[in-house]
Amino acid sequence: GFGRAARAGSCALVCVVHNNKLYCGNAGDSMGIIVADEKPISYKEVNRFLNADNPEEQQRMKREYPEESDIFICKRPENKSCYVKGRLQPTRSIGDLRLKLKEFNNPKNYSR
């Protein structure tokens, strides 16, 4: 009965201004920017892109999962179009239990 729940997931990006400081939390491949209302319009990125194409995330995954040679799979040369376990681009997310917990990645629990 957990097949569908194991496949569900989402990314989230939350930013809060407190005491004139900006705090951001990112779980996924959402990109946050601050846009300045000036001519020409300028912007500043407020977080890193957390997906399997990012070389920093690839290195982190290799360190955290050294026994899993397929922790990310790239479908194009030069580490482009990469996916966690060949299935999902975000390297951090809310949910997606089939990629995080062994008890949820058994094919017999999979339902469409």
PDB file of N, CA and C in Angstrom:
ATOM      1  N   GLY A   1       0.791  -1.211   0.000  1.00  0.00           N
ATOM      2  CA  GLY A   1       0.000   0.000   0.000  1.00  0.00           C
ATOM      3  C   GLY A   1       0.821   1.257   0.000  1.00  0.00           C
ATOM      4  N   PHE A   2       2.158   1.135   0.074  1.00  0.00           N
ATOM      5  CA  PHE A   2       2.974   2.341   0.134  1.00  0.00           C
ATOM      6  C   PHE A   2       3.618   2.696  -1.200  1.00  0.00           C
ATOM      7  N   GLY A   3       3.290   1.970  -2.263  1.00  0.00           N
ATOM      8  CA  GLY A   3       3.922   2.217  -3.553  1.00  0.00           C
ATOM      9  C   GLY A   3       3.779   3.640  -4.030  1.00  0.00           C
ATOM     10  N   ARG A   4       2.582   4.174  -3.973  1.00  0.00           N
ATOM     11  CA  ARG A   4       2.362   5.550  -4.446  1.00  0.00           C
ATOM     12  C   ARG A   4       3.011   6.573  -3.524  1.00  0.00           C
ATOM     13  N   ALA A   5       2.921   6.338  -2.220  1.00  0.00           N
ATOM     14  CA  ALA A   5       3.532   7.276  -1.266  1.00  0.00           C
ATOM     15  C   ALA A   5       5.048   7.316  -1.437  1.00  0.00           C
ATOM     16  N   ALA A   6       5.649   6.178  -1.768  1.00  0.00           N
ATOM     17  CA  ALA A   6       7.100   6.113  -1.933  1.00  0.00           C
ATOM     18  C   ALA A   6       7.567   6.889  -3.153  1.00  0.00           C
ATOM     19  N   ARG A   7       6.696   7.076  -4.150  1.00  0.00           N
ATOM     20  CA  ARG A   7       7.057   7.801  -5.374  1.00  0.00           C
ATOM     21  C   ARG A   7       6.818   9.303  -5.266  1.00  0.00           C
ATOM     22  N   ALA A   8       6.023   9.733  -4.294  1.00  0.00           N
ATOM     23  CA  ALA A   8       5.672  11.148  -4.179  1.00  0.00           C
ATOM     24  C   ALA A   8       6.837  11.938  -3.589  1.00  0.00           C
ATOM     25  N   GLY A   9       7.050  13.125  -4.129  1.00  0.00           N
ATOM     26  CA  GLY A   9       8.099  13.977  -3.608  1.00  0.00           C
ATOM     27  C   GLY A   9       7.927  15.395  -4.107  1.00  0.00           C
ATOM     28  N   SER A  10       8.664  16.292  -3.496  1.00  0.00           N
ATOM     29  CA  SER A  10       8.562  17.691  -3.886  1.00  0.00           C
ATOM     30  C   SER A  10       9.852  18.407  -3.524  1.00  0.00           C
ATOM     31  N   CYS A  11      10.077  19.512  -4.184  1.00  0.00           N
ATOM     32  CA  CYS A  11      11.183  20.395  -3.851  1.00  0.00           C
ATOM     33  C   CYS A  11      10.601  21.612  -3.140  1.00  0.00           C
ATOM     34  N   ALA A  12      11.415  22.273  -2.354  1.00  0.00           N
ATOM     35  CA  ALA A  12      10.941  23.470  -1.650  1.00  0.00           C
ATOM     36  C   ALA A  12      12.088  24.449  -1.480  1.00  0.00           C
ATOM     37  N   LEU A  13      11.772  25.712  -1.606  1.00  0.00           N
ATOM     38  CA  LEU A  13      12.722  26.784  -1.351  1.00  0.00           C
ATOM     39  C   LEU A  13      11.989  27.815  -0.516  1.00  0.00           C
ATOM     40  N   VAL A  14      12.531  28.098   0.658  1.00  0.00           N
ATOM     41  CA  VAL A  14      11.907  29.056   1.561  1.00  0.00           C
ATOM     42  C   VAL A  14      12.947  30.091   1.951  1.00  0.00           C
ATOM     43  N   CYS A  15      12.574  31.348   1.848  1.00  0.00           N
ATOM     44  CA  CYS A  15      13.455  32.435   2.281  1.00  0.00           C
ATOM     45  C   CYS A  15      12.690  33.331   3.247  1.00  0.00           C
ATOM     46  N   VAL A  16      13.378  33.756   4.298  1.00  0.00           N
ATOM     47  CA  VAL A  16      12.786  34.609   5.324  1.00  0.00           C
ATOM     48  C   VAL A  16      13.745  35.757   5.597  1.00  0.00           C
ATOM     49  N   VAL A  17      13.196  36.955   5.726  1.00  0.00           N
ATOM     50  CA  VAL A  17      13.995  38.107   6.143  1.00  0.00           C
ATOM     51  C   VAL A  17      13.705  38.347   7.623  1.00  0.00           C
ATOM     52  N   HIS A  18      14.761  38.344   8.447  1.00  0.00           N
ATOM     53  CA  HIS A  18      14.627  38.578   9.883  1.00  0.00           C
ATOM     54  C   HIS A  18      15.762  39.495  10.326  1.00  0.00           C
ATOM     55  N   ASN A  19      15.415  40.574  10.978  1.00  0.00           N
ATOM     56  CA  ASN A  19      16.414  41.562  11.423  1.00  0.00           C
ATOM     57  C   ASN A  19      17.328  41.992  10.281  1.00  0.00           C
ATOM     58  N   ASN A  20      16.724  42.233   9.150  1.00  0.00           N
ATOM     59  CA  ASN A  20      17.431  42.727   7.959  1.00  0.00           C
ATOM     60  C   ASN A  20      18.452  41.724   7.402  1.00  0.00           C
ATOM     61  N   LYS A  21      18.300  40.434   7.728  1.00  0.00           N
ATOM     62  CA  LYS A  21      19.140  39.366   7.178  1.00  0.00           C
ATOM     63  C   LYS A  21      18.241  38.393   6.435  1.00  0.00           C
ATOM     64  N   LEU A  22      18.780  37.833   5.347  1.00  0.00           N
ATOM     65  CA  LEU A  22      18.043  36.872   4.537  1.00  0.00           C
ATOM     66  C   LEU A  22      18.519  35.468   4.875  1.00  0.00           C
ATOM     67  N   TYR A  23      17.565  34.589   5.211  1.00  0.00           N
ATOM     68  CA  TYR A  23      17.850  33.189   5.504  1.00  0.00           C
ATOM     69  C   TYR A  23      17.085  32.349   4.490  1.00  0.00           C
ATOM     70  N   CYS A  24      17.787  31.404   3.843  1.00  0.00           N
ATOM     71  CA  CYS A  24      17.151  30.553   2.842  1.00  0.00           C
ATOM     72  C   CYS A  24      17.427  29.089   3.145  1.00  0.00           C
ATOM     73  N   GLY A  25      16.424  28.264   2.932  1.00  0.00           N
ATOM     74  CA  GLY A  25      16.556  26.816   3.036  1.00  0.00           C
ATOM     75  C   GLY A  25      16.089  26.199   1.729  1.00  0.00           C
ATOM     76  N   ASN A  26      16.839  25.228   1.219  1.00  0.00           N
ATOM     77  CA  ASN A  26      16.520  24.654  -0.077  1.00  0.00           C
ATOM     78  C   ASN A  26      16.555  23.135   0.024  1.00  0.00           C
ATOM     79  N   ALA A  27      15.482  22.512  -0.411  1.00  0.00           N
ATOM     80  CA  ALA A  27      15.444  21.056  -0.538  1.00  0.00           C
ATOM     81  C   ALA A  27      15.024  20.773  -1.974  1.00  0.00           C
ATOM     82  N   GLY A  28      15.993  20.691  -2.856  1.00  0.00           N
ATOM     83  CA  GLY A  28      15.666  20.401  -4.242  1.00  0.00           C
ATOM     84  C   GLY A  28      16.411  21.265  -5.233  1.00  0.00           C
ATOM     85  N   ASP A  29      15.880  21.307  -6.446  1.00  0.00           N
ATOM     86  CA  ASP A  29      16.566  22.049  -7.504  1.00  0.00           C
ATOM     87  C   ASP A  29      15.823  23.335  -7.853  1.00  0.00           C
ATOM     88  N   SER A  30      15.291  23.993  -6.842  1.00  0.00           N
ATOM     89  CA  SER A  30      14.684  25.315  -7.031  1.00  0.00           C
ATOM     90  C   SER A  30      15.776  26.362  -6.929  1.00  0.00           C
ATOM     91  N   MET A  31      15.663  27.416  -7.723  1.00  0.00           N
ATOM     92  CA  MET A  31      16.664  28.477  -7.679  1.00  0.00           C
ATOM     93  C   MET A  31      16.010  29.756  -7.188  1.00  0.00           C
ATOM     94  N   GLY A  32      16.580  30.334  -6.145  1.00  0.00           N
ATOM     95  CA  GLY A  32      16.088  31.595  -5.607  1.00  0.00           C
ATOM     96  C   GLY A  32      16.989  32.736  -6.027  1.00  0.00           C
ATOM     97  N   ILE A  33      16.377  33.862  -6.361  1.00  0.00           N
ATOM     98  CA  ILE A  33      17.152  35.057  -6.726  1.00  0.00           C
ATOM     99  C   ILE A  33      16.526  36.275  -6.068  1.00  0.00           C
ATOM    100  N   ILE A  34      17.354  37.269  -5.845  1.00  0.00           N
ATOM    101  CA  ILE A  34      16.884  38.589  -5.406  1.00  0.00           C
ATOM    102  C   ILE A  34      17.038  39.499  -6.608  1.00  0.00           C
ATOM    103  N   VAL A  35      15.967  40.198  -6.936  1.00  0.00           N
ATOM    104  CA  VAL A  35      15.981  41.083  -8.096  1.00  0.00           C
ATOM    105  C   VAL A  35      16.002  42.522  -7.603  1.00  0.00           C
ATOM    106  N   ALA A  36      16.940  43.307  -8.117  1.00  0.00           N
ATOM    107  CA  ALA A  36      17.048  44.720  -7.761  1.00  0.00           C
ATOM    108  C   ALA A  36      16.257  45.556  -8.754  1.00  0.00           C
ATOM    109  N   ASP A  37      15.473  46.457  -8.229  1.00  0.00           N
ATOM    110  CA  ASP A  37      14.660  47.338  -9.063  1.00  0.00           C
ATOM    111  C   ASP A  37      15.500  48.546  -9.455  1.00  0.00           C
ATOM    112  N   GLU A  38      16.341  48.343 -10.428  1.00  0.00           N
ATOM    113  CA  GLU A  38      17.211  49.410 -10.918  1.00  0.00           C
ATOM    114  C   GLU A  38      17.370  49.254 -12.417  1.00  0.00           C
ATOM    115  N   LYS A  39      17.983  50.207 -13.039  1.00  0.00           N
ATOM    116  CA  LYS A  39      18.214  50.149 -14.481  1.00  0.00           C
ATOM    117  C   LYS A  39      19.697  49.922 -14.727  1.00  0.00           C
ATOM    118  N   PRO A  40      20.167  48.917 -15.402  1.00  0.00           N
ATOM    119  CA  PRO A  40      19.385  47.755 -15.800  1.00  0.00           C
ATOM    120  C   PRO A  40      19.064  46.878 -14.593  1.00  0.00           C
ATOM    121  N   ILE A  41      18.032  46.077 -14.710  1.00  0.00           N
ATOM    122  CA  ILE A  41      17.642  45.184 -13.619  1.00  0.00           C
ATOM    123  C   ILE A  41      18.771  44.197 -13.365  1.00  0.00           C
ATOM    124  N   SER A  42      19.096  44.005 -12.104  1.00  0.00           N
ATOM    125  CA  SER A  42      20.141  43.046 -11.751  1.00  0.00           C
ATOM    126  C   SER A  42      19.570  42.027 -10.766  1.00  0.00           C
ATOM    127  N   TYR A  43      20.295  40.931 -10.595  1.00  0.00           N
ATOM    128  CA  TYR A  43      19.840  39.915  -9.653  1.00  0.00           C
ATOM    129  C   TYR A  43      21.038  39.235  -9.006  1.00  0.00           C
ATOM    130  N   LYS A  44      20.772  38.575  -7.888  1.00  0.00           N
ATOM    131  CA  LYS A  44      21.792  37.814  -7.177  1.00  0.00           C
ATOM    132  C   LYS A  44      21.171  36.481  -6.762  1.00  0.00           C
ATOM    133  N   GLU A  45      21.890  35.392  -7.044  1.00  0.00           N
ATOM    134  CA  GLU A  45      21.421  34.072  -6.633  1.00  0.00           C
ATOM    135  C   GLU A  45      21.580  33.939  -5.118  1.00  0.00           C
ATOM    136  N   VAL A  46      20.615  33.268  -4.470  1.00  0.00           N
ATOM    137  CA  VAL A  46      20.663  33.126  -3.015  1.00  0.00           C
ATOM    138  C   VAL A  46      20.898  31.686  -2.555  1.00  0.00           C
ATOM    139  N   ASN A  47      21.036  30.759  -3.490  1.00  0.00           N
ATOM    140  CA  ASN A  47      21.286  29.370  -3.110  1.00  0.00           C
ATOM    141  C   ASN A  47      21.968  28.623  -4.250  1.00  0.00           C
ATOM    142  N   ARG A  48      22.413  27.405  -3.925  1.00  0.00           N
ATOM    143  CA  ARG A  48      23.007  26.527  -4.936  1.00  0.00           C
ATOM    144  C   ARG A  48      21.922  25.664  -5.555  1.00  0.00           C
ATOM    145  N   PHE A  49      22.127  25.266  -6.794  1.00  0.00           N
ATOM    146  CA  PHE A  49      21.218  24.394  -7.512  1.00  0.00           C
ATOM    147  C   PHE A  49      21.519  22.965  -7.076  1.00  0.00           C
ATOM    148  N   LEU A  50      20.621  22.321  -6.358  1.00  0.00           N
ATOM    149  CA  LEU A  50      20.869  21.005  -5.776  1.00  0.00           C
ATOM    150  C   LEU A  50      20.282  19.896  -6.641  1.00  0.00           C
ATOM    151  N   ASN A  51      20.984  19.629  -7.753  1.00  0.00           N
ATOM    152  CA  ASN A  51      20.566  18.491  -8.571  1.00  0.00           C
ATOM    153  C   ASN A  51      21.790  17.700  -9.019  1.00  0.00           C
ATOM    154  N   ALA A  52      21.546  16.574  -9.645  1.00  0.00           N
ATOM    155  CA  ALA A  52      22.619  15.638  -9.981  1.00  0.00           C
ATOM    156  C   ALA A  52      23.555  16.141 -11.077  1.00  0.00           C
ATOM    157  N   ASP A  53      23.236  17.237 -11.742  1.00  0.00           N
ATOM    158  CA  ASP A  53      24.162  17.845 -12.711  1.00  0.00           C
ATOM    159  C   ASP A  53      25.266  18.646 -12.008  1.00  0.00           C
ATOM    160  N   ASN A  54      25.028  19.052 -10.775  1.00  0.00           N
ATOM    161  CA  ASN A  54      25.956  19.896 -10.022  1.00  0.00           C
ATOM    162  C   ASN A  54      27.154  19.058  -9.548  1.00  0.00           C
ATOM    163  N   PRO A  55      28.383  19.397  -9.982  1.00  0.00           N
ATOM    164  CA  PRO A  55      29.569  18.614  -9.588  1.00  0.00           C
ATOM    165  C   PRO A  55      29.762  18.525  -8.070  1.00  0.00           C
ATOM    166  N   GLU A  56      29.418  19.582  -7.336  1.00  0.00           N
ATOM    167  CA  GLU A  56      29.538  19.536  -5.867  1.00  0.00           C
ATOM    168  C   GLU A  56      28.585  18.493  -5.282  1.00  0.00           C
ATOM    169  N   GLU A  57      27.383  18.416  -5.815  1.00  0.00           N
ATOM    170  CA  GLU A  57      26.422  17.425  -5.336  1.00  0.00           C
ATOM    171  C   GLU A  57      26.849  16.016  -5.729  1.00  0.00           C
ATOM    172  N   GLN A  58      27.446  15.850  -6.894  1.00  0.00           N
ATOM    173  CA  GLN A  58      27.935  14.535  -7.302  1.00  0.00           C
ATOM    174  C   GLN A  58      29.009  14.052  -6.323  1.00  0.00           C
ATOM    175  N   GLN A  59      29.930  14.938  -5.951  1.00  0.00           N
ATOM    176  CA  GLN A  59      30.983  14.569  -5.006  1.00  0.00           C
ATOM    177  C   GLN A  59      30.402  14.246  -3.638  1.00  0.00           C
ATOM    178  N   ARG A  60      29.416  15.034  -3.186  1.00  0.00           N
ATOM    179  CA  ARG A  60      28.774  14.771  -1.893  1.00  0.00           C
ATOM    180  C   ARG A  60      28.108  13.404  -1.893  1.00  0.00           C
ATOM    181  N   MET A  61      27.387  13.079  -2.961  1.00  0.00           N
ATOM    182  CA  MET A  61      26.712  11.782  -3.037  1.00  0.00           C
ATOM    183  C   MET A  61      27.719  10.636  -3.044  1.00  0.00           C
ATOM    184  N   LYS A  62      28.831  10.795  -3.758  1.00  0.00           N
ATOM    185  CA  LYS A  62      29.866   9.755  -3.778  1.00  0.00           C
ATOM    186  C   LYS A  62      30.447   9.533  -2.381  1.00  0.00           C
ATOM    187  N   ARG A  63      30.654  10.634  -1.637  1.00  0.00           N
ATOM    188  CA  ARG A  63      31.175  10.519  -0.264  1.00  0.00           C
ATOM    189  C   ARG A  63      30.164   9.846   0.665  1.00  0.00           C
ATOM    190  N   GLU A  64      28.897  10.235   0.559  1.00  0.00           N
ATOM    191  CA  GLU A  64      27.875   9.724   1.467  1.00  0.00           C
ATOM    192  C   GLU A  64      27.420   8.298   1.133  1.00  0.00           C
ATOM    193  N   TYR A  65      27.567   7.887  -0.125  1.00  0.00           N
ATOM    194  CA  TYR A  65      27.123   6.557  -0.560  1.00  0.00           C
ATOM    195  C   TYR A  65      28.243   5.855  -1.333  1.00  0.00           C
ATOM    196  N   PRO A  66      29.392   5.609  -0.692  1.00  0.00           N
ATOM    197  CA  PRO A  66      30.565   5.083  -1.410  1.00  0.00           C
ATOM    198  C   PRO A  66      30.360   3.689  -2.002  1.00  0.00           C
ATOM    199  N   GLU A  67      29.429   2.906  -1.477  1.00  0.00           N
ATOM    200  CA  GLU A  67      29.231   1.548  -1.981  1.00  0.00           C
ATOM    201  C   GLU A  67      28.196   1.480  -3.102  1.00  0.00           C
ATOM    202  N   GLU A  68      27.623   2.607  -3.466  1.00  0.00           N
ATOM    203  CA  GLU A  68      26.609   2.624  -4.523  1.00  0.00           C
ATOM    204  C   GLU A  68      27.181   3.283  -5.774  1.00  0.00           C
ATOM    205  N   SER A  69      27.692   2.458  -6.670  1.00  0.00           N
ATOM    206  CA  SER A  69      28.331   2.989  -7.878  1.00  0.00           C
ATOM    207  C   SER A  69      27.342   3.692  -8.805  1.00  0.00           C
ATOM    208  N   ASP A  70      26.056   3.411  -8.630  1.00  0.00           N
ATOM    209  CA  ASP A  70      25.038   4.027  -9.480  1.00  0.00           C
ATOM    210  C   ASP A  70      24.270   5.139  -8.748  1.00  0.00           C
ATOM    211  N   ILE A  71      24.902   5.766  -7.767  1.00  0.00           N
ATOM    212  CA  ILE A  71      24.200   6.799  -6.988  1.00  0.00           C
ATOM    213  C   ILE A  71      23.714   7.934  -7.889  1.00  0.00           C
ATOM    214  N   PHE A  72      24.475   8.247  -8.931  1.00  0.00           N
ATOM    215  CA  PHE A  72      23.949   9.134  -9.977  1.00  0.00           C
ATOM    216  C   PHE A  72      24.381   8.581 -11.318  1.00  0.00           C
ATOM    217  N   ILE A  73      23.487   8.738 -12.287  1.00  0.00           N
ATOM    218  CA  ILE A  73      23.730   8.240 -13.640  1.00  0.00           C
ATOM    219  C   ILE A  73      23.538   9.406 -14.602  1.00  0.00           C
ATOM    220  N   CYS A  74      24.559   9.644 -15.434  1.00  0.00           N
ATOM    221  CA  CYS A  74      24.484  10.724 -16.418  1.00  0.00           C
ATOM    222  C   CYS A  74      24.152  10.134 -17.779  1.00  0.00           C
ATOM    223  N   LYS A  75      23.202  10.738 -18.455  1.00  0.00           N
ATOM    224  CA  LYS A  75      22.728  10.217 -19.737  1.00  0.00           C
ATOM    225  C   LYS A  75      23.328  10.940 -20.931  1.00  0.00           C
ATOM    226  N   ARG A  76      24.206  11.906 -20.672  1.00  0.00           N
ATOM    227  CA  ARG A  76      24.913  12.614 -21.736  1.00  0.00           C
ATOM    228  C   ARG A  76      26.377  12.750 -21.334  1.00  0.00           C
ATOM    229  N   PRO A  77      27.257  12.967 -22.303  1.00  0.00           N
ATOM    230  CA  PRO A  77      28.679  13.143 -21.973  1.00  0.00           C
ATOM    231  C   PRO A  77      28.907  14.360 -21.077  1.00  0.00           C
ATOM    232  N   GLU A  78      30.054  14.381 -20.452  1.00  0.00           N
ATOM    233  CA  GLU A  78      30.500  15.496 -19.600  1.00  0.00           C
ATOM    234  C   GLU A  78      29.574  15.734 -18.412  1.00  0.00           C
ATOM    235  N   ASN A  79      29.033  14.652 -17.837  1.00  0.00           N
ATOM    236  CA  ASN A  79      28.171  14.720 -16.654  1.00  0.00           C
ATOM    237  C   ASN A  79      26.987  15.668 -16.816  1.00  0.00           C
ATOM    238  N   LYS A  80      26.301  15.563 -17.936  1.00  0.00           N
ATOM    239  CA  LYS A  80      25.087  16.353 -18.179  1.00  0.00           C
ATOM    240  C   LYS A  80      23.873  15.423 -18.155  1.00  0.00           C
ATOM    241  N   SER A  81      22.728  15.958 -17.853  1.00  0.00           N
ATOM    242  CA  SER A  81      21.481  15.194 -17.737  1.00  0.00           C
ATOM    243  C   SER A  81      21.669  14.026 -16.770  1.00  0.00           C
ATOM    244  N   CYS A  82      22.076  14.350 -15.548  1.00  0.00           N
ATOM    245  CA  CYS A  82      22.334  13.332 -14.530  1.00  0.00           C
ATOM    246  C   CYS A  82      21.122  13.179 -13.617  1.00  0.00           C
ATOM    247  N   TYR A  83      20.968  11.954 -13.086  1.00  0.00           N
ATOM    248  CA  TYR A  83      19.820  11.616 -12.259  1.00  0.00           C
ATOM    249  C   TYR A  83      20.262  10.762 -11.084  1.00  0.00           C
ATOM    250  N   VAL A  84      19.677  10.979  -9.907  1.00  0.00           N
ATOM    251  CA  VAL A  84      19.919  10.136  -8.749  1.00  0.00           C
ATOM    252  C   VAL A  84      19.338   8.765  -9.056  1.00  0.00           C
ATOM    253  N   LYS A  85      20.183   7.737  -8.988  1.00  0.00           N
ATOM    254  CA  LYS A  85      19.776   6.368  -9.301  1.00  0.00           C
ATOM    255  C   LYS A  85      19.121   6.271 -10.670  1.00  0.00           C
ATOM    256  N   GLY A  86      19.434   7.197 -11.576  1.00  0.00           N
ATOM    257  CA  GLY A  86      18.883   7.180 -12.918  1.00  0.00           C
ATOM    258  C   GLY A  86      17.428   7.617 -13.005  1.00  0.00           C
ATOM    259  N   ARG A  87      16.864   8.165 -11.916  1.00  0.00           N
ATOM    260  CA  ARG A  87      15.431   8.438 -11.878  1.00  0.00           C
ATOM    261  C   ARG A  87      15.026   9.866 -11.572  1.00  0.00           C
ATOM    262  N   LEU A  88      15.816  10.613 -10.825  1.00  0.00           N
ATOM    263  CA  LEU A  88      15.363  11.895 -10.298  1.00  0.00           C
ATOM    264  C   LEU A  88      16.514  12.892 -10.327  1.00  0.00           C
ATOM    265  N   GLN A  89      16.299  14.087 -10.859  1.00  0.00           N
ATOM    266  CA  GLN A  89      17.382  15.062 -10.918  1.00  0.00           C
ATOM    267  C   GLN A  89      17.691  15.733  -9.575  1.00  0.00           C
ATOM    268  N   PRO A  90      16.704  16.149  -8.786  1.00  0.00           N
ATOM    269  CA  PRO A  90      17.053  16.790  -7.506  1.00  0.00           C
ATOM    270  C   PRO A  90      17.783  15.819  -6.592  1.00  0.00           C
ATOM    271  N   THR A  91      18.843  16.296  -5.951  1.00  0.00           N
ATOM    272  CA  THR A  91      19.596  15.454  -5.026  1.00  0.00           C
ATOM    273  C   THR A  91      19.069  15.561  -3.605  1.00  0.00           C
ATOM    274  N   ARG A  92      18.192  16.511  -3.369  1.00  0.00           N
ATOM    275  CA  ARG A  92      17.566  16.669  -2.055  1.00  0.00           C
ATOM    276  C   ARG A  92      16.096  16.986  -2.306  1.00  0.00           C
ATOM    277  N   SER A  93      15.252  16.389  -1.524  1.00  0.00           N
ATOM    278  CA  SER A  93      13.826  16.608  -1.721  1.00  0.00           C
ATOM    279  C   SER A  93      13.075  16.224  -0.456  1.00  0.00           C
ATOM    280  N   ILE A  94      11.798  16.535  -0.473  1.00  0.00           N
ATOM    281  CA  ILE A  94      10.881  16.108   0.577  1.00  0.00           C
ATOM    282  C   ILE A  94      10.134  14.918  -0.017  1.00  0.00           C
ATOM    283  N   GLY A  95      10.187  13.783   0.643  1.00  0.00           N
ATOM    284  CA  GLY A  95       9.543  12.586   0.097  1.00  0.00           C
ATOM    285  C   GLY A  95      10.504  11.780  -0.735  1.00  0.00           C
ATOM    286  N   ASP A  96      10.019  11.220  -1.857  1.00  0.00           N
ATOM    287  CA  ASP A  96      10.814  10.356  -2.740  1.00  0.00           C
ATOM    288  C   ASP A  96      11.465   9.213  -1.960  1.00  0.00           C
ATOM    289  N   LEU A  97      10.674   8.576  -1.103  1.00  0.00           N
ATOM    290  CA  LEU A  97      11.187   7.535  -0.211  1.00  0.00           C
ATOM    291  C   LEU A  97      11.783   6.345  -0.938  1.00  0.00           C
ATOM    292  N   ARG A  98      11.336   6.067  -2.169  1.00  0.00           N
ATOM    293  CA  ARG A  98      11.863   4.912  -2.903  1.00  0.00           C
ATOM    294  C   ARG A  98      13.352   5.046  -3.172  1.00  0.00           C
ATOM    295  N   LEU A  99      13.868   6.276  -3.139  1.00  0.00           N
ATOM    296  CA  LEU A  99      15.295   6.493  -3.368  1.00  0.00           C
ATOM    297  C   LEU A  99      16.060   6.684  -2.060  1.00  0.00           C
ATOM    298  N   LYS A 100      15.355   6.781  -0.943  1.00  0.00           N
ATOM    299  CA  LYS A 100      16.008   7.053   0.336  1.00  0.00           C
ATOM    300  C   LYS A 100      16.023   5.865   1.289  1.00  0.00           C
ATOM    301  N   LEU A 101      14.971   5.062   1.249  1.00  0.00           N
ATOM    302  CA  LEU A 101      14.842   3.976   2.216  1.00  0.00           C
ATOM    303  C   LEU A 101      14.669   2.642   1.501  1.00  0.00           C
ATOM    304  N   LYS A 102      15.457   1.646   1.897  1.00  0.00           N
ATOM    305  CA  LYS A 102      15.427   0.345   1.224  1.00  0.00           C
ATOM    306  C   LYS A 102      14.053  -0.310   1.293  1.00  0.00           C
ATOM    307  N   GLU A 103      13.339  -0.132   2.386  1.00  0.00           N
ATOM    308  CA  GLU A 103      12.035  -0.803   2.499  1.00  0.00           C
ATOM    309  C   GLU A 103      11.000  -0.271   1.506  1.00  0.00           C
ATOM    310  N   PHE A 104      11.295   0.879   0.875  1.00  0.00           N
ATOM    311  CA  PHE A 104      10.373   1.449  -0.103  1.00  0.00           C
ATOM    312  C   PHE A 104      10.822   1.227  -1.546  1.00  0.00           C
ATOM    313  N   ASN A 105      11.987   0.632  -1.772  1.00  0.00           N
ATOM    314  CA  ASN A 105      12.426   0.473  -3.160  1.00  0.00           C
ATOM    315  C   ASN A 105      12.333  -0.967  -3.656  1.00  0.00           C
ATOM    316  N   ASN A 106      11.528  -1.760  -3.016  1.00  0.00           N
ATOM    317  CA  ASN A 106      11.279  -3.118  -3.463  1.00  0.00           C
ATOM    318  C   ASN A 106      10.224  -3.080  -4.577  1.00  0.00           C
ATOM    319  N   PRO A 107      10.491  -3.655  -5.739  1.00  0.00           N
ATOM    320  CA  PRO A 107       9.534  -3.599  -6.851  1.00  0.00           C
ATOM    321  C   PRO A 107       8.144  -4.127  -6.517  1.00  0.00           C
ATOM    322  N   LYS A 108       8.010  -5.075  -5.599  1.00  0.00           N
ATOM    323  CA  LYS A 108       6.681  -5.603  -5.301  1.00  0.00           C
ATOM    324  C   LYS A 108       5.818  -4.565  -4.565  1.00  0.00           C
ATOM    325  N   ASN A 109       6.422  -3.539  -3.977  1.00  0.00           N
ATOM    326  CA  ASN A 109       5.667  -2.450  -3.335  1.00  0.00           C
ATOM    327  C   ASN A 109       5.311  -1.351  -4.320  1.00  0.00           C
ATOM    328  N   TYR A 110       5.780  -1.479  -5.550  1.00  0.00           N
ATOM    329  CA  TYR A 110       5.571  -0.438  -6.556  1.00  0.00           C
ATOM    330  C   TYR A 110       4.181  -0.557  -7.164  1.00  0.00           C
ATOM    331  N   SER A 111       3.454   0.540  -7.183  1.00  0.00           N
ATOM    332  CA  SER A 111       2.160   0.549  -7.858  1.00  0.00           C
ATOM    333  C   SER A 111       2.031   1.850  -8.627  1.00  0.00           C
ATOM    334  N   ARG A 112       1.343   1.803  -9.731  1.00  0.00           N
ATOM    335  CA  ARG A 112       1.178   3.011 -10.552  1.00  0.00           C
ATOM    336  C   ARG A 112       0.003   3.762 -10.134  1.00  0.00           C
TER     337      ARG A 112
END
